[in-house]
Amino acid sequence: MSPYTHLTLKDRECILLGVTLHHTYQVIADQIGCSKATVSREIKRNGGRGAYSAVKAQQNYQQRRLKSRRPQGTGEFKATRLCPSLHSSTAMVTRANRRSFIFREQ
C-alpha cells in the first residue's frame, strides 16, 4: 500500500485556518500530517496565502482528478487497442468500416 494520500477537504480547511492565523508551512504540515512542501504547493496552486480557499481548492482538485482519467471501455477505445494502425490520422475510417477492417485482418 502506498504511504501517500490525497488531501481531503478537512485537510484543506486546516490549511486555510493556518494561513489565516499566519502559521508557517511547517506548523500547518505538522497539524495535518504531511510534508511542508505539500502545503506549500497546495497554497501556491490555489491562489497563494492571500486568496486561498479550501472549497475552491477541493473543487480544483476534483476537476483535475476527473480530467486525468482514461476513457472507460468504450467500443471505440477497444477497437484502437486491437488495431493500433487505426489510431493514426491517415487511417481514420468510420465505425462500420473499422469493424469490417478488423474482421478482414483476422
Protein backbone atom coordinates (compact mmCIF):
# COMPACT_ATOMS: atom_id res chain seq x y z
CA MET A 1 0.00 0.00 0.00
CA SER A 2 1.25 3.48 -0.85
CA PRO A 3 2.20 5.77 2.05
CA TYR A 4 0.89 8.76 0.06
CA THR A 5 -2.63 10.10 0.44
CA HIS A 6 -4.53 12.93 -1.21
CA LEU A 7 -5.50 15.97 0.81
CA THR A 8 -9.10 15.93 2.00
CA LEU A 9 -11.47 18.85 2.41
CA LYS A 10 -10.79 18.70 6.16
CA ASP A 11 -7.02 18.97 5.48
CA ARG A 12 -7.65 21.95 3.20
CA GLU A 13 -9.74 23.63 5.91
CA CYS A 14 -6.84 23.17 8.35
CA ILE A 15 -4.52 24.74 5.76
CA LEU A 16 -6.94 27.67 5.41
CA LEU A 17 -7.02 28.13 9.18
CA GLY A 18 -3.23 28.02 9.35
CA VAL A 19 -2.90 30.55 6.53
CA THR A 20 -5.43 32.84 8.23
CA LEU A 21 -3.53 32.63 11.53
CA HIS A 22 -0.19 33.27 9.70
CA HIS A 23 1.32 29.93 10.72
CA THR A 24 4.39 28.66 8.90
CA TYR A 25 4.13 25.84 6.36
CA GLN A 26 5.90 23.54 8.81
CA VAL A 27 3.33 24.16 11.59
CA ILE A 28 0.44 23.58 9.18
CA ALA A 29 2.09 20.42 7.83
CA ASP A 30 2.60 19.05 11.34
CA GLN A 31 -1.08 19.62 12.14
CA ILE A 32 -2.37 17.68 9.11
CA GLY A 33 0.44 15.11 8.97
CA CYS A 34 2.10 15.82 5.64
CA SER A 35 5.21 17.45 4.22
CA LYS A 36 5.66 21.22 4.30
CA ALA A 37 6.35 21.00 0.55
CA THR A 38 2.84 19.57 0.07
CA VAL A 39 1.35 22.50 1.99
CA SER A 40 3.45 24.99 0.03
CA ARG A 41 2.40 23.53 -3.34
CA GLU A 42 -1.25 23.36 -2.28
CA ILE A 43 -1.30 27.02 -1.30
CA LYS A 44 0.61 28.15 -4.37
CA ARG A 45 -1.60 26.07 -6.70
CA ASN A 46 -4.79 27.57 -5.25
CA GLY A 47 -4.31 31.33 -5.04
CA GLY A 48 -1.47 31.89 -2.59
CA ARG A 49 -1.61 32.96 1.05
CA GLY A 50 -3.81 35.97 0.29
CA ALA A 51 -6.52 34.19 -1.72
CA TYR A 52 -6.53 30.55 -0.59
CA SER A 53 -9.99 28.95 -0.36
CA ALA A 54 -10.48 25.40 0.93
CA VAL A 55 -13.71 24.85 -1.02
CA LYS A 56 -12.28 26.21 -4.28
CA ALA A 57 -9.12 24.14 -3.78
CA GLN A 58 -11.24 20.99 -3.34
CA GLN A 59 -13.22 21.80 -6.50
CA ASN A 60 -9.99 22.35 -8.45
CA TYR A 61 -8.66 19.02 -7.17
CA GLN A 62 -11.80 17.17 -8.24
CA GLN A 63 -11.71 18.73 -11.72
CA ARG A 64 -8.02 17.82 -12.18
CA ARG A 65 -8.76 14.30 -10.98
CA LEU A 66 -11.58 13.80 -13.49
CA LYS A 67 -9.52 15.18 -16.38
CA SER A 68 -6.62 12.82 -15.60
CA ARG A 69 -8.60 9.60 -16.05
CA ARG A 70 -8.53 7.41 -19.15
CA PRO A 71 -11.70 6.73 -21.13
CA GLN A 72 -13.55 3.79 -19.63
CA GLY A 73 -14.08 0.87 -22.03
CA THR A 74 -15.90 2.49 -24.92
CA GLY A 75 -16.15 0.42 -28.08
CA GLU A 76 -14.01 2.90 -29.99
CA PHE A 77 -11.23 2.72 -27.39
CA LYS A 78 -11.16 -1.08 -27.55
CA ALA A 79 -11.05 -1.07 -31.36
CA THR A 80 -8.00 1.20 -31.43
CA ARG A 81 -6.24 -1.04 -28.92
CA LEU A 82 -6.90 -4.11 -31.11
CA CYS A 83 -5.61 -2.42 -34.23
CA PRO A 84 -3.21 0.45 -33.41
CA SER A 85 -2.83 1.44 -37.06
CA LEU A 86 -6.44 2.66 -36.97
CA HIS A 87 -5.44 5.28 -34.45
CA SER A 88 -3.22 7.25 -36.85
CA SER A 89 -4.81 10.22 -38.55
CA THR A 90 -4.18 8.81 -42.04
CA ALA A 91 -6.07 5.58 -41.32
CA MET A 92 -9.17 7.03 -39.62
CA VAL A 93 -12.30 5.43 -41.02
CA THR A 94 -15.93 5.21 -39.97
CA ARG A 95 -17.01 2.82 -37.26
CA ALA A 96 -18.67 0.43 -39.74
CA ASN A 97 -15.52 0.30 -41.89
CA ARG A 98 -13.43 -0.19 -38.78
CA ARG A 99 -15.37 -3.35 -37.87
CA SER A 100 -15.06 -4.83 -41.36
CA PHE A 101 -11.33 -3.97 -41.40
CA ILE A 102 -10.73 -5.76 -38.10
CA PHE A 103 -12.62 -8.86 -39.26
CA ARG A 104 -10.77 -8.97 -42.62
CA GLU A 105 -7.39 -8.78 -40.92
CA GLN A 106 -8.11 -11.77 -38.67
